[in-house]
PDB file of N, CA and C in Angstrom:
ATOM      1  N   MET A   1     141.499 116.177 134.961  1.00  0.00           N
ATOM      2  CA  MET A   1     140.332 114.834 134.814  1.00  0.00           C
ATOM      3  C   MET A   1     139.306 115.445 133.616  1.00  0.00           C
ATOM      4  N   ASN A   2     139.265 114.801 133.087  1.00  0.00           N
ATOM      5  CA  ASN A   2     137.307 115.026 132.224  1.00  0.00           C
ATOM      6  C   ASN A   2     136.231 115.291 132.816  1.00  0.00           C
ATOM      7  N   GLN A   3     136.124 115.876 131.589  1.00  0.00           N
ATOM      8  CA  GLN A   3     134.880 117.231 131.759  1.00  0.00           C
ATOM      9  C   GLN A   3     133.522 115.990 131.750  1.00  0.00           C
ATOM     10  N   ILE A   4     132.274 115.478 132.650  1.00  0.00           N
ATOM     11  CA  ILE A   4     131.555 114.674 131.829  1.00  0.00           C
ATOM     12  C   ILE A   4     130.304 115.398 131.859  1.00  0.00           C
ATOM     13  N   PRO A   5     129.500 115.356 130.738  1.00  0.00           N
ATOM     14  CA  PRO A   5     128.900 116.536 129.899  1.00  0.00           C
ATOM     15  C   PRO A   5     127.358 116.038 131.018  1.00  0.00           C
ATOM     16  N   GLN A   6     126.979 116.637 131.282  1.00  0.00           N
ATOM     17  CA  GLN A   6     125.927 117.092 131.769  1.00  0.00           C
ATOM     18  C   GLN A   6     124.517 116.128 131.053  1.00  0.00           C
ATOM     19  N   PRO A   7     123.375 115.870 131.817  1.00  0.00           N
ATOM     20  CA  PRO A   7     122.385 115.267 131.167  1.00  0.00           C
ATOM     21  C   PRO A   7     121.650 116.026 130.134  1.00  0.00           C
ATOM     22  N   ASN A   8     121.048 117.136 130.543  1.00  0.00           N
ATOM     23  CA  ASN A   8     120.300 118.398 129.746  1.00  0.00           C
ATOM     24  C   ASN A   8     121.899 118.000 128.334  1.00  0.00           C
ATOM     25  N   GLN A   9     122.974 118.663 129.000  1.00  0.00           N
ATOM     26  CA  GLN A   9     123.704 118.721 127.267  1.00  0.00           C
ATOM     27  C   GLN A   9     123.764 117.479 126.465  1.00  0.00           C
ATOM     28  N   ALA A  10     124.247 117.232 127.083  1.00  0.00           N
ATOM     29  CA  ALA A  10     124.283 115.458 126.050  1.00  0.00           C
ATOM     30  C   ALA A  10     123.052 114.589 125.566  1.00  0.00           C
ATOM     31  N   ALA A  11     121.519 115.158 126.099  1.00  0.00           N
ATOM     32  CA  ALA A  11     120.473 114.916 125.303  1.00  0.00           C
ATOM     33  C   ALA A  11     120.641 116.076 124.470  1.00  0.00           C
ATOM     34  N   ALA A  12     120.732 117.547 124.672  1.00  0.00           N
ATOM     35  CA  ALA A  12     120.874 118.333 122.893  1.00  0.00           C
ATOM     36  C   ALA A  12     122.073 118.012 122.600  1.00  0.00           C
ATOM     37  N   GLU A  13     122.680 117.703 122.626  1.00  0.00           N
ATOM     38  CA  GLU A  13     124.078 117.150 121.330  1.00  0.00           C
ATOM     39  C   GLU A  13     122.788 116.393 120.193  1.00  0.00           C
ATOM     40  N   ARG A  14     122.608 114.691 121.005  1.00  0.00           N
ATOM     41  CA  ARG A  14     122.026 113.731 120.336  1.00  0.00           C
ATOM     42  C   ARG A  14     120.475 114.398 119.611  1.00  0.00           C
ATOM     43  N   ILE A  15     119.843 115.616 120.477  1.00  0.00           N
ATOM     44  CA  ILE A  15     118.762 115.617 118.899  1.00  0.00           C
ATOM     45  C   ILE A  15     118.969 116.610 118.438  1.00  0.00           C
ATOM     46  N   ALA A  16     120.700 117.489 118.700  1.00  0.00           N
ATOM     47  CA  ALA A  16     120.867 118.428 117.838  1.00  0.00           C
ATOM     48  C   ALA A  16     121.348 117.689 116.548  1.00  0.00           C
ATOM     49  N   ALA A  17     122.111 116.483 116.779  1.00  0.00           N
ATOM     50  CA  ALA A  17     122.857 115.774 116.656  1.00  0.00           C
ATOM     51  C   ALA A  17     121.467 115.083 115.037  1.00  0.00           C
ATOM     52  N   ARG A  18     120.605 114.783 115.580  1.00  0.00           N
ATOM     53  CA  ARG A  18     118.798 114.453 115.078  1.00  0.00           C
ATOM     54  C   ARG A  18     118.868 114.943 114.144  1.00  0.00           C
ATOM     55  N   ARG A  19     118.426 115.990 114.521  1.00  0.00           N
ATOM     56  CA  ARG A  19     118.089 117.308 113.196  1.00  0.00           C
ATOM     57  C   ARG A  19     119.071 116.953 112.281  1.00  0.00           C
ATOM     58  N   SER A  20     119.725 117.296 112.694  1.00  0.00           N
ATOM     59  CA  SER A  20     120.860 117.985 111.341  1.00  0.00           C
ATOM     60  C   SER A  20     120.912 116.266 110.554  1.00  0.00           C
ATOM     61  N   ARG A  21     120.828 115.586 110.905  1.00  0.00           N
ATOM     62  CA  ARG A  21     120.684 113.805 110.152  1.00  0.00           C
ATOM     63  C   ARG A  21     119.705 113.853 109.173  1.00  0.00           C
ATOM     64  N   ILE A  22     118.180 113.997 110.105  1.00  0.00           N
ATOM     65  CA  ILE A  22     116.801 114.112 109.511  1.00  0.00           C
ATOM     66  C   ILE A  22     116.636 115.482 108.271  1.00  0.00           C
ATOM     67  N   ASN A  23     117.092 116.792 108.737  1.00  0.00           N
ATOM     68  CA  ASN A  23     117.700 117.785 107.642  1.00  0.00           C
ATOM     69  C   ASN A  23     118.149 117.397 106.387  1.00  0.00           C
ATOM     70  N   ARG A  24     119.393 116.892 106.561  1.00  0.00           N
ATOM     71  CA  ARG A  24     120.282 116.141 105.576  1.00  0.00           C
ATOM     72  C   ARG A  24     119.458 115.242 104.332  1.00  0.00           C
ATOM     73  N   ILE A  25     118.754 114.268 105.020  1.00  0.00           N
ATOM     74  CA  ILE A  25     117.949 113.151 104.241  1.00  0.00           C
ATOM     75  C   ILE A  25     117.165 113.753 103.939  1.00  0.00           C
ATOM     76  N   ARG A  26     116.192 114.759 104.173  1.00  0.00           N
ATOM     77  CA  ARG A  26     115.188 115.689 103.193  1.00  0.00           C
ATOM     78  C   ARG A  26     115.722 116.187 102.439  1.00  0.00           C
ATOM     79  N   SER A  27     116.846 116.831 102.544  1.00  0.00           N
ATOM     80  CA  SER A  27     117.034 117.879 101.065  1.00  0.00           C
ATOM     81  C   SER A  27     118.013 117.206  99.893  1.00  0.00           C
ATOM     82  N   ARG A  28     117.963 116.006 100.208  1.00  0.00           N
ATOM     83  CA  ARG A  28     118.816 114.312  99.687  1.00  0.00           C
ATOM     84  C   ARG A  28     117.481 114.021  98.628  1.00  0.00           C
ATOM     85  N   ILE A  29     116.587 113.804  99.801  1.00  0.00           N
ATOM     86  CA  ILE A  29     115.178 113.091  98.647  1.00  0.00           C
ATOM     87  C   ILE A  29     114.804 114.278  98.219  1.00  0.00           C
ATOM     88  N   ALA A  30     114.847 115.678  98.427  1.00  0.00           N
ATOM     89  CA  ALA A  30     113.914 116.992  97.554  1.00  0.00           C
ATOM     90  C   ALA A  30     114.610 116.770  96.088  1.00  0.00           C
ATOM     91  N   ALA A  31     116.576 116.803  96.684  1.00  0.00           N
ATOM     92  CA  ALA A  31     116.970 117.543  95.404  1.00  0.00           C
ATOM     93  C   ALA A  31     117.340 116.096  94.244  1.00  0.00           C
ATOM     94  N   GLY A  32     116.871 114.751  94.778  1.00  0.00           N
ATOM     95  CA  GLY A  32     116.513 113.707  94.116  1.00  0.00           C
ATOM     96  C   GLY A  32     114.983 113.847  93.402  1.00  0.00           C
ATOM     97  N   ALA A  33     114.336 114.344  94.316  1.00  0.00           N
ATOM     98  CA  ALA A  33     112.748 113.995  93.105  1.00  0.00           C
ATOM     99  C   ALA A  33     113.014 115.126  92.290  1.00  0.00           C
ATOM    100  N   VAL A  34     113.751 116.605  92.397  1.00  0.00           N
ATOM    101  CA  VAL A  34     113.802 117.150  91.100  1.00  0.00           C
ATOM    102  C   VAL A  34     114.163 116.236  90.539  1.00  0.00           C
ATOM    103  N   ALA A  35     114.962 115.776  90.333  1.00  0.00           N
ATOM    104  CA  ALA A  35     116.601 115.428  88.993  1.00  0.00           C
ATOM    105  C   ALA A  35     115.862 114.384  88.616  1.00  0.00           C
ATOM    106  N   VAL A  36     114.617 113.742  88.975  1.00  0.00           N
ATOM    107  CA  VAL A  36     114.176 112.709  88.450  1.00  0.00           C
ATOM    108  C   VAL A  36     112.846 113.398  87.521  1.00  0.00           C
ATOM    109  N   PHE A  37     112.626 114.622  88.291  1.00  0.00           N
ATOM    110  CA  PHE A  37     111.171 115.464  87.256  1.00  0.00           C
ATOM    111  C   PHE A  37     111.642 115.833  85.784  1.00  0.00           C
ATOM    112  N   ILE A  38     112.959 116.933  86.307  1.00  0.00           N
ATOM    113  CA  ILE A  38     113.649 117.753  85.523  1.00  0.00           C
ATOM    114  C   ILE A  38     114.035 116.400  84.137  1.00  0.00           C
ATOM    115  N   ALA A  39     115.261 115.370  85.330  1.00  0.00           N
ATOM    116  CA  ALA A  39     114.905 114.361  83.857  1.00  0.00           C
ATOM    117  C   ALA A  39     114.014 113.662  83.094  1.00  0.00           C
ATOM    118  N   ALA A  40     112.400 114.018  83.794  1.00  0.00           N
ATOM    119  CA  ALA A  40     111.644 112.761  82.826  1.00  0.00           C
ATOM    120  C   ALA A  40     110.916 114.004  81.679  1.00  0.00           C
ATOM    121  N   PHE A  41     110.713 115.287  82.197  1.00  0.00           N
ATOM    122  CA  PHE A  41     110.312 116.153  80.859  1.00  0.00           C
ATOM    123  C   PHE A  41     111.829 116.600  80.269  1.00  0.00           C
ATOM    124  N   ALA A  42     113.005 116.732  80.625  1.00  0.00           N
ATOM    125  CA  ALA A  42     113.949 117.069  79.448  1.00  0.00           C
ATOM    126  C   ALA A  42     114.076 115.797  78.573  1.00  0.00           C
ATOM    127  N   GLY A  43     113.376 114.594  79.058  1.00  0.00           N
ATOM    128  CA  GLY A  43     113.403 112.895  78.201  1.00  0.00           C
ATOM    129  C   GLY A  43     112.462 113.362  77.214  1.00  0.00           C
ATOM    130  N   LEU A  44     111.160 113.936  78.005  1.00  0.00           N
ATOM    131  CA  LEU A  44     110.357 114.260  76.985  1.00  0.00           C
ATOM    132  C   LEU A  44     110.205 114.986  75.433  1.00  0.00           C
ATOM    133  N   LEU A  45     110.742 115.967  76.129  1.00  0.00           N
ATOM    134  CA  LEU A  45     111.481 117.393  75.441  1.00  0.00           C
ATOM    135  C   LEU A  45     112.164 116.953  74.293  1.00  0.00           C
ATOM    136  N   VAL A  46     113.139 116.156  74.521  1.00  0.00           N
ATOM    137  CA  VAL A  46     114.062 115.878  73.443  1.00  0.00           C
ATOM    138  C   VAL A  46     114.003 114.957  72.780  1.00  0.00           C
ATOM    139  N   GLN A  47     112.943 114.047  73.242  1.00  0.00           N
ATOM    140  CA  GLN A  47     111.984 112.842  72.216  1.00  0.00           C
ATOM    141  C   GLN A  47     110.530 113.886  71.411  1.00  0.00           C
ATOM    142  N   LEU A  48     110.268 115.271  71.668  1.00  0.00           N
ATOM    143  CA  LEU A  48     109.381 115.454  70.805  1.00  0.00           C
ATOM    144  C   LEU A  48     109.836 116.474  69.715  1.00  0.00           C
ATOM    145  N   ASN A  49     111.272 116.807  70.302  1.00  0.00           N
ATOM    146  CA  ASN A  49     112.248 117.919  69.155  1.00  0.00           C
ATOM    147  C   ASN A  49     112.213 116.891  67.832  1.00  0.00           C
ATOM    148  N   SER A  50     112.634 115.655  68.251  1.00  0.00           N
ATOM    149  CA  SER A  50     113.231 115.156  67.754  1.00  0.00           C
ATOM    150  C   SER A  50     112.591 114.430  66.023  1.00  0.00           C
ATOM    151  N   GLY A  51     111.163 114.967  66.537  1.00  0.00           N
ATOM    152  CA  GLY A  51     110.058 114.196  65.806  1.00  0.00           C
ATOM    153  C   GLY A  51     109.470 113.041  66.219  1.00  0.00           C
ATOM    154  N   GLN A  52     110.071 112.579  67.318  1.00  0.00           N
ATOM    155  CA  GLN A  52     109.128 110.996  67.784  1.00  0.00           C
ATOM    156  C   GLN A  52     107.945 111.173  68.441  1.00  0.00           C
ATOM    157  N   ASP A  53     106.953 111.991  68.325  1.00  0.00           N
ATOM    158  CA  ASP A  53     105.771 112.229  69.148  1.00  0.00           C
ATOM    159  C   ASP A  53     105.171 110.037  68.566  1.00  0.00           C
ATOM    160  N   PRO A  54     105.012 109.965  69.473  1.00  0.00           N
ATOM    161  CA  PRO A  54     103.619 108.757  69.391  1.00  0.00           C
ATOM    162  C   PRO A  54     102.758 109.382  68.925  1.00  0.00           C
ATOM    163  N   VAL A  55     102.373 110.390  69.611  1.00  0.00           N
ATOM    164  CA  VAL A  55     100.315 110.481  69.178  1.00  0.00           C
ATOM    165  C   VAL A  55     100.815 110.916  67.654  1.00  0.00           C
ATOM    166  N   LEU A  56     101.843 112.170  67.674  1.00  0.00           N
ATOM    167  CA  LEU A  56     101.586 112.443  66.375  1.00  0.00           C
ATOM    168  C   LEU A  56     101.814 111.258  64.880  1.00  0.00           C
ATOM    169  N   SER A  57     102.655 110.035  65.728  1.00  0.00           N
ATOM    170  CA  SER A  57     103.162 109.077  64.876  1.00  0.00           C
ATOM    171  C   SER A  57     101.932 108.336  63.755  1.00  0.00           C
ATOM    172  N   LYS A  58     100.924 107.849  65.013  1.00  0.00           N
ATOM    173  CA  LYS A  58      99.903 107.024  65.293  1.00  0.00           C
ATOM    174  C   LYS A  58      98.814 107.397  64.272  1.00  0.00           C
ATOM    175  N   LYS A  59      98.671 109.244  63.771  1.00  0.00           N
ATOM    176  CA  LYS A  59      97.639 110.033  63.405  1.00  0.00           C
ATOM    177  C   LYS A  59      98.479 110.032  61.487  1.00  0.00           C
ATOM    178  N   SER A  60      99.114 109.911  61.609  1.00  0.00           N
ATOM    179  CA  SER A  60     100.481 110.294  60.130  1.00  0.00           C
ATOM    180  C   SER A  60     100.147 108.433  59.776  1.00  0.00           C
ATOM    181  N   SER A  61     100.557 107.716  60.360  1.00  0.00           N
ATOM    182  CA  SER A  61     100.001 106.619  59.684  1.00  0.00           C
ATOM    183  C   SER A  61      98.982 106.337  59.663  1.00  0.00           C
ATOM    184  N   ALA A  62      98.106 106.048  59.951  1.00  0.00           N
ATOM    185  CA  ALA A  62      96.770 105.839  59.261  1.00  0.00           C
ATOM    186  C   ALA A  62      96.445 107.005  58.525  1.00  0.00           C
ATOM    187  N   ALA A  63      96.782 108.494  58.779  1.00  0.00           N
ATOM    188  CA  ALA A  63      96.143 109.001  57.359  1.00  0.00           C
ATOM    189  C   ALA A  63      96.983 108.633  56.720  1.00  0.00           C
ATOM    190  N   THR A  64      97.845 107.958  56.111  1.00  0.00           N
ATOM    191  CA  THR A  64      99.098 108.028  55.565  1.00  0.00           C
ATOM    192  C   THR A  64      98.150 105.851  54.541  1.00  0.00           C
ATOM    193  N   THR A  65      97.650 105.505  55.663  1.00  0.00           N
ATOM    194  CA  THR A  65      97.324 104.284  54.989  1.00  0.00           C
ATOM    195  C   THR A  65      95.895 104.517  54.618  1.00  0.00           C
ATOM    196  N   SER A  66      95.023 104.937  54.890  1.00  0.00           N
ATOM    197  CA  SER A  66      93.424 105.668  54.967  1.00  0.00           C
ATOM    198  C   SER A  66      94.006 106.377  52.667  1.00  0.00           C
ATOM    199  N   SER A  67      94.669 107.093  53.238  1.00  0.00           N
ATOM    200  CA  SER A  67      94.682 107.996  51.726  1.00  0.00           C
ATOM    201  C   SER A  67      95.735 106.988  50.123  1.00  0.00           C
ATOM    202  N   THR A  68      96.182 105.560  51.315  1.00  0.00           N
ATOM    203  CA  THR A  68      96.574 105.237  50.188  1.00  0.00           C
ATOM    204  C   THR A  68      95.892 103.756  49.400  1.00  0.00           C
ATOM    205  N   ALA A  69      94.296 103.314  50.410  1.00  0.00           N
ATOM    206  CA  ALA A  69      93.679 102.399  50.433  1.00  0.00           C
ATOM    207  C   ALA A  69      92.943 102.483  48.511  1.00  0.00           C
ATOM    208  N   LYS A  70      92.544 101.490  48.419  1.00  0.00           N
ATOM    209  CA  LYS A  70      91.671 101.786  47.331  1.00  0.00           C
ATOM    210  C   LYS A  70      90.484 101.714  47.234  1.00  0.00           C
ATOM    211  N   PRO A  71      90.009 102.554  46.035  1.00  0.00           N
ATOM    212  CA  PRO A  71      88.138 103.343  46.271  1.00  0.00           C
ATOM    213  C   PRO A  71      87.598 102.013  46.429  1.00  0.00           C
ATOM    214  N   ALA A  72      86.338 102.308  46.718  1.00  0.00           N
ATOM    215  CA  ALA A  72      85.457 100.803  47.243  1.00  0.00           C
ATOM    216  C   ALA A  72      84.549 100.590  45.808  1.00  0.00           C
ATOM    217  N   ALA A  73      83.804 100.021  44.868  1.00  0.00           N
ATOM    218  CA  ALA A  73      83.408 100.312  43.690  1.00  0.00           C
ATOM    219  C   ALA A  73      83.016 101.884  43.354  1.00  0.00           C
ATOM    220  N   SER A  74      83.396 102.373  42.043  1.00  0.00           N
ATOM    221  CA  SER A  74      82.116 103.812  41.882  1.00  0.00           C
ATOM    222  C   SER A  74      80.885 103.479  41.451  1.00  0.00           C
ATOM    223  N   THR A  75      79.940 104.396  42.242  1.00  0.00           N
ATOM    224  CA  THR A  75      78.282 103.893  42.535  1.00  0.00           C
ATOM    225  C   THR A  75      78.155 105.742  41.510  1.00  0.00           C
ATOM    226  N   PRO A  76      77.302 105.234  41.167  1.00  0.00           N
ATOM    227  CA  PRO A  76      76.811 107.082  40.587  1.00  0.00           C
ATOM    228  C   PRO A  76      76.296 107.924  41.496  1.00  0.00           C
ATOM    229  N   VAL A  77      76.822 109.140  41.700  1.00  0.00           N
ATOM    230  CA  VAL A  77      76.699 110.073  42.094  1.00  0.00           C
ATOM    231  C   VAL A  77      75.501 111.315  41.663  1.00  0.00           C
ATOM    232  N   THR A  78      74.108 111.527  42.015  1.00  0.00           N
ATOM    233  CA  THR A  78      73.014 111.439  42.252  1.00  0.00           C
ATOM    234  C   THR A  78      72.894 113.009  43.358  1.00  0.00           C
ATOM    235  N   SER A  79      72.533 113.923  42.664  1.00  0.00           N
ATOM    236  CA  SER A  79      72.576 115.415  43.651  1.00  0.00           C
ATOM    237  C   SER A  79      71.071 115.298  43.171  1.00  0.00           C
ATOM    238  N   THR A  80      70.109 115.822  44.245  1.00  0.00           N
ATOM    239  CA  THR A  80      69.220 116.839  44.688  1.00  0.00           C
ATOM    240  C   THR A  80      69.302 118.054  44.423  1.00  0.00           C
ATOM    241  N   PRO A  81      68.232 118.278  44.117  1.00  0.00           N
ATOM    242  CA  PRO A  81      68.371 120.104  44.283  1.00  0.00           C
ATOM    243  C   PRO A  81      67.524 120.658  45.398  1.00  0.00           C
ATOM    244  N   ALA A  82      68.402 121.347  45.915  1.00  0.00           N
ATOM    245  CA  ALA A  82      67.517 122.073  46.920  1.00  0.00           C
ATOM    246  C   ALA A  82      66.399 122.710  47.174  1.00  0.00           C
ATOM    247  N   THR A  83      65.214 122.630  48.525  1.00  0.00           N
ATOM    248  CA  THR A  83      64.101 123.105  47.819  1.00  0.00           C
ATOM    249  C   THR A  83      64.117 124.672  48.794  1.00  0.00           C
ATOM    250  N   SER A  84      64.876 124.351  49.835  1.00  0.00           N
ATOM    251  CA  SER A  84      64.839 126.244  50.114  1.00  0.00           C
ATOM    252  C   SER A  84      66.780 126.594  49.952  1.00  0.00           C
ATOM    253  N   THR A  85      66.265 128.199  50.080  1.00  0.00           N
ATOM    254  CA  THR A  85      67.594 129.305  49.268  1.00  0.00           C
ATOM    255  C   THR A  85      68.392 129.203  51.063  1.00  0.00           C
ATOM    256  N   ALA A  86      67.420 129.638  51.638  1.00  0.00           N
ATOM    257  CA  ALA A  86      67.730 130.215  53.573  1.00  0.00           C
ATOM    258  C   ALA A  86      68.699 128.977  53.999  1.00  0.00           C
ATOM    259  N   PRO A  87      69.530 129.430  54.812  1.00  0.00           N
ATOM    260  CA  PRO A  87      70.941 128.255  55.160  1.00  0.00           C
ATOM    261  C   PRO A  87      70.066 127.813  56.320  1.00  0.00           C
ATOM    262  N   SER A  88      70.402 126.850  56.518  1.00  0.00           N
ATOM    263  CA  SER A  88      70.035 125.535  57.872  1.00  0.00           C
ATOM    264  C   SER A  88      70.255 125.664  58.993  1.00  0.00           C
ATOM    265  N   GLN A  89      69.493 125.939  60.070  1.00  0.00           N
ATOM    266  CA  GLN A  89      69.620 126.496  61.178  1.00  0.00           C
ATOM    267  C   GLN A  89      69.430 124.584  62.295  1.00  0.00           C
ATOM    268  N   PRO A  90      70.554 124.632  63.200  1.00  0.00           N
ATOM    269  CA  PRO A  90      70.451 123.727  63.220  1.00  0.00           C
ATOM    270  C   PRO A  90      69.550 123.669  64.873  1.00  0.00           C
ATOM    271  N   ALA A  91      68.697 122.576  65.274  1.00  0.00           N
ATOM    272  CA  ALA A  91      67.282 122.696  65.793  1.00  0.00           C
ATOM    273  C   ALA A  91      68.169 123.049  67.453  1.00  0.00           C
ATOM    274  N   PRO A  92      67.082 123.879  67.958  1.00  0.00           N
ATOM    275  CA  PRO A  92      67.321 124.255  68.845  1.00  0.00           C
ATOM    276  C   PRO A  92      67.979 123.022  70.194  1.00  0.00           C
ATOM    277  N   VAL A  93      68.488 123.267  71.394  1.00  0.00           N
ATOM    278  CA  VAL A  93      69.035 122.624  72.214  1.00  0.00           C
ATOM    279  C   VAL A  93      68.644 122.854  73.778  1.00  0.00           C
ATOM    280  N   ALA A  94      67.743 122.047  74.648  1.00  0.00           N
ATOM    281  CA  ALA A  94      67.435 122.414  75.800  1.00  0.00           C
ATOM    282  C   ALA A  94      69.070 121.902  76.610  1.00  0.00           C
ATOM    283  N   THR A  95      69.328 122.767  77.401  1.00  0.00           N
ATOM    284  CA  THR A  95      69.800 122.341  78.821  1.00  0.00           C
ATOM    285  C   THR A  95      69.236 122.760  79.631  1.00  0.00           C
ATOM    286  N   HIS A  96      69.868 121.780  81.130  1.00  0.00           N
ATOM    287  CA  HIS A  96      68.892 121.744  82.167  1.00  0.00           C
ATOM    288  C   HIS A  96      70.183 122.070  83.070  1.00  0.00           C
ATOM    289  N   GLN A  97      70.000 123.045  83.679  1.00  0.00           N
ATOM    290  CA  GLN A  97      71.217 123.471  84.769  1.00  0.00           C
ATOM    291  C   GLN A  97      70.277 123.666  86.486  1.00  0.00           C
ATOM    292  N   SER A  98      70.773 122.697  87.409  1.00  0.00           N
ATOM    293  CA  SER A  98      70.059 122.367  87.931  1.00  0.00           C
ATOM    294  C   SER A  98      70.875 123.428  89.266  1.00  0.00           C
TER     295      SER A  98
END
C-alpha cells in the first residue's frame, strides 16, 4: 500500500519548495545586479584608460580652438601707475548663519 502524506506534511513540503524557489530567484537577481554593476564600471574604466574621456576631450577641443583663433584688432595697451604699494585685500564678506 502507498503511504498517503498527512496534510501537515504536504503543506510543509509545499512551503519548503516555495522557499527554495524564492531563494533561487533572489540569488539570481542579486547576481545579475552585481554583474550589471561590474560590467558598467568596467566599461567606464576601459573607456577612461584608453583616453576617451568625453569631459576631457571637450575641454581640450575648446582650448585648441581658442588658442588657434585669430586675435582681434590690436589696441594700444596703456599702463597706469599704482597709487599704493600695499597689497590690496578683498572687501570683507558678511555671512549669516541661522
